[in-house]
Amino acid sequence: MPGTSQLALTSDDDLFPLRVRVPADAKTGLQQDTDLLIDQVRAISNRRLMRRLGLVDAPTLLRVEHALRLLAGP
């Protein structure tokens, strides 16, 4: 799932279901707040994955899953 530090809004809101916000904190390991770009999901080779940038918690992962289901349709 691609992400960007160019946040959609300046508040804590994201643009669900097109974006899901992941905060920068000790739990995620991110340096900056990041919006996951749900509508730009793509498949890439595992060889291109050089290092892990961060982790998401279960509630955030459920929001990502819900957003994908909404965009993909029934």
C-alpha atoms as a PDB file:
ATOM      1  CA  MET A   1       0.000   0.000   0.000  1.00  0.00           C
ATOM      2  CA  PRO A   2       1.651   3.265  -1.017  1.00  0.00           C
ATOM      3  CA  GLY A   3       1.716   6.069   1.497  1.00  0.00           C
ATOM      4  CA  THR A   4       2.503   9.763   1.531  1.00  0.00           C
ATOM      5  CA  SER A   5       3.511  12.315   4.130  1.00  0.00           C
ATOM      6  CA  GLN A   6       1.658  14.931   2.044  1.00  0.00           C
ATOM      7  CA  LEU A   7      -1.435  14.787   4.254  1.00  0.00           C
ATOM      8  CA  ALA A   8      -4.825  15.409   2.718  1.00  0.00           C
ATOM      9  CA  LEU A   9      -5.952  17.680   5.548  1.00  0.00           C
ATOM     10  CA  THR A  10      -4.203  19.518   8.362  1.00  0.00           C
ATOM     11  CA  SER A  11      -6.363  18.009  11.101  1.00  0.00           C
ATOM     12  CA  ASP A  12      -6.519  14.421  12.360  1.00  0.00           C
ATOM     13  CA  ASP A  13      -9.110  13.644   9.674  1.00  0.00           C
ATOM     14  CA  ASP A  14      -8.290  11.600   6.621  1.00  0.00           C
ATOM     15  CA  LEU A  15     -10.240  11.158   3.407  1.00  0.00           C
ATOM     16  CA  PHE A  16     -11.652   7.712   4.149  1.00  0.00           C
ATOM     17  CA  PRO A  17     -12.097   5.521   2.102  1.00  0.00           C
ATOM     18  CA  LEU A  18      -9.489   6.984  -0.286  1.00  0.00           C
ATOM     19  CA  ARG A  19      -6.924   7.557   2.464  1.00  0.00           C
ATOM     20  CA  VAL A  20      -6.305   6.133   5.914  1.00  0.00           C
ATOM     21  CA  ARG A  21      -4.109   8.139   8.309  1.00  0.00           C
ATOM     22  CA  VAL A  22      -1.304   6.402  10.209  1.00  0.00           C
ATOM     23  CA  PRO A  23       0.182   8.594  12.944  1.00  0.00           C
ATOM     24  CA  ALA A  24       3.899   8.953  13.546  1.00  0.00           C
ATOM     25  CA  ASP A  25       4.606   7.529  16.988  1.00  0.00           C
ATOM     26  CA  ALA A  26       6.627   4.880  18.806  1.00  0.00           C
ATOM     27  CA  LYS A  27       4.047   2.162  18.008  1.00  0.00           C
ATOM     28  CA  THR A  28       4.096   2.680  14.243  1.00  0.00           C
ATOM     29  CA  GLY A  29       7.765   3.576  14.026  1.00  0.00           C
ATOM     30  CA  LEU A  30       6.989   6.235  11.414  1.00  0.00           C
ATOM     31  CA  GLN A  31       8.925   9.512  11.357  1.00  0.00           C
ATOM     32  CA  GLN A  32       5.954  11.494   9.955  1.00  0.00           C
ATOM     33  CA  ASP A  33       2.184  11.127   9.900  1.00  0.00           C
ATOM     34  CA  THR A  34       1.360   9.170   6.754  1.00  0.00           C
ATOM     35  CA  ASP A  35      -1.763   8.805   4.624  1.00  0.00           C
ATOM     36  CA  LEU A  36      -2.114   5.361   3.056  1.00  0.00           C
ATOM     37  CA  LEU A  37      -3.357   5.777  -0.512  1.00  0.00           C
ATOM     38  CA  ILE A  38      -6.062   3.134  -0.645  1.00  0.00           C
ATOM     39  CA  ASP A  39      -7.087   3.869  -4.231  1.00  0.00           C
ATOM     40  CA  GLN A  40      -3.503   3.408  -5.459  1.00  0.00           C
ATOM     41  CA  VAL A  41      -2.877  -0.119  -4.179  1.00  0.00           C
ATOM     42  CA  ARG A  42      -0.653  -2.156  -6.478  1.00  0.00           C
ATOM     43  CA  ALA A  43       1.322  -5.350  -6.593  1.00  0.00           C
ATOM     44  CA  ILE A  44       5.117  -5.160  -6.593  1.00  0.00           C
ATOM     45  CA  SER A  45       7.894  -7.693  -6.388  1.00  0.00           C
ATOM     46  CA  ASN A  46       9.109  -8.629  -2.901  1.00  0.00           C
ATOM     47  CA  ARG A  47      12.613  -7.844  -4.183  1.00  0.00           C
ATOM     48  CA  ARG A  48      11.680  -4.163  -4.279  1.00  0.00           C
ATOM     49  CA  LEU A  49      10.848  -4.175  -0.565  1.00  0.00           C
ATOM     50  CA  MET A  50      14.097  -2.999   0.963  1.00  0.00           C
ATOM     51  CA  ARG A  51      13.089  -2.257   4.545  1.00  0.00           C
ATOM     52  CA  ARG A  52      10.010  -1.900   6.714  1.00  0.00           C
ATOM     53  CA  LEU A  53       8.964   1.707   7.183  1.00  0.00           C
ATOM     54  CA  GLY A  54       6.463   1.144   9.977  1.00  0.00           C
ATOM     55  CA  LEU A  55       3.722  -0.979  11.479  1.00  0.00           C
ATOM     56  CA  VAL A  56      -0.006  -0.455  11.806  1.00  0.00           C
ATOM     57  CA  ASP A  57      -2.198  -1.653  14.655  1.00  0.00           C
ATOM     58  CA  ALA A  58      -5.214  -3.938  14.239  1.00  0.00           C
ATOM     59  CA  PRO A  59      -7.854  -1.137  14.208  1.00  0.00           C
ATOM     60  CA  THR A  60      -5.967   0.712  11.448  1.00  0.00           C
ATOM     61  CA  LEU A  61      -5.582  -2.486   9.456  1.00  0.00           C
ATOM     62  CA  LEU A  62      -9.339  -3.067   9.759  1.00  0.00           C
ATOM     63  CA  ARG A  63      -9.969   0.471   8.429  1.00  0.00           C
ATOM     64  CA  VAL A  64      -7.690  -0.294   5.462  1.00  0.00           C
ATOM     65  CA  GLU A  65      -9.543  -3.544   4.806  1.00  0.00           C
ATOM     66  CA  HIS A  66     -12.919  -1.781   5.049  1.00  0.00           C
ATOM     67  CA  ALA A  67     -11.775   0.948   2.650  1.00  0.00           C
ATOM     68  CA  LEU A  68     -10.533  -1.647   0.140  1.00  0.00           C
ATOM     69  CA  ARG A  69     -13.872  -3.450   0.293  1.00  0.00           C
ATOM     70  CA  LEU A  70     -15.774  -0.197  -0.293  1.00  0.00           C
ATOM     71  CA  LEU A  71     -13.641   0.712  -3.306  1.00  0.00           C
ATOM     72  CA  ALA A  72     -13.593  -2.795  -4.803  1.00  0.00           C
ATOM     73  CA  GLY A  73     -17.338  -3.230  -4.524  1.00  0.00           C
ATOM     74  CA  PRO A  74     -19.310  -6.351  -3.604  1.00  0.00           C
END
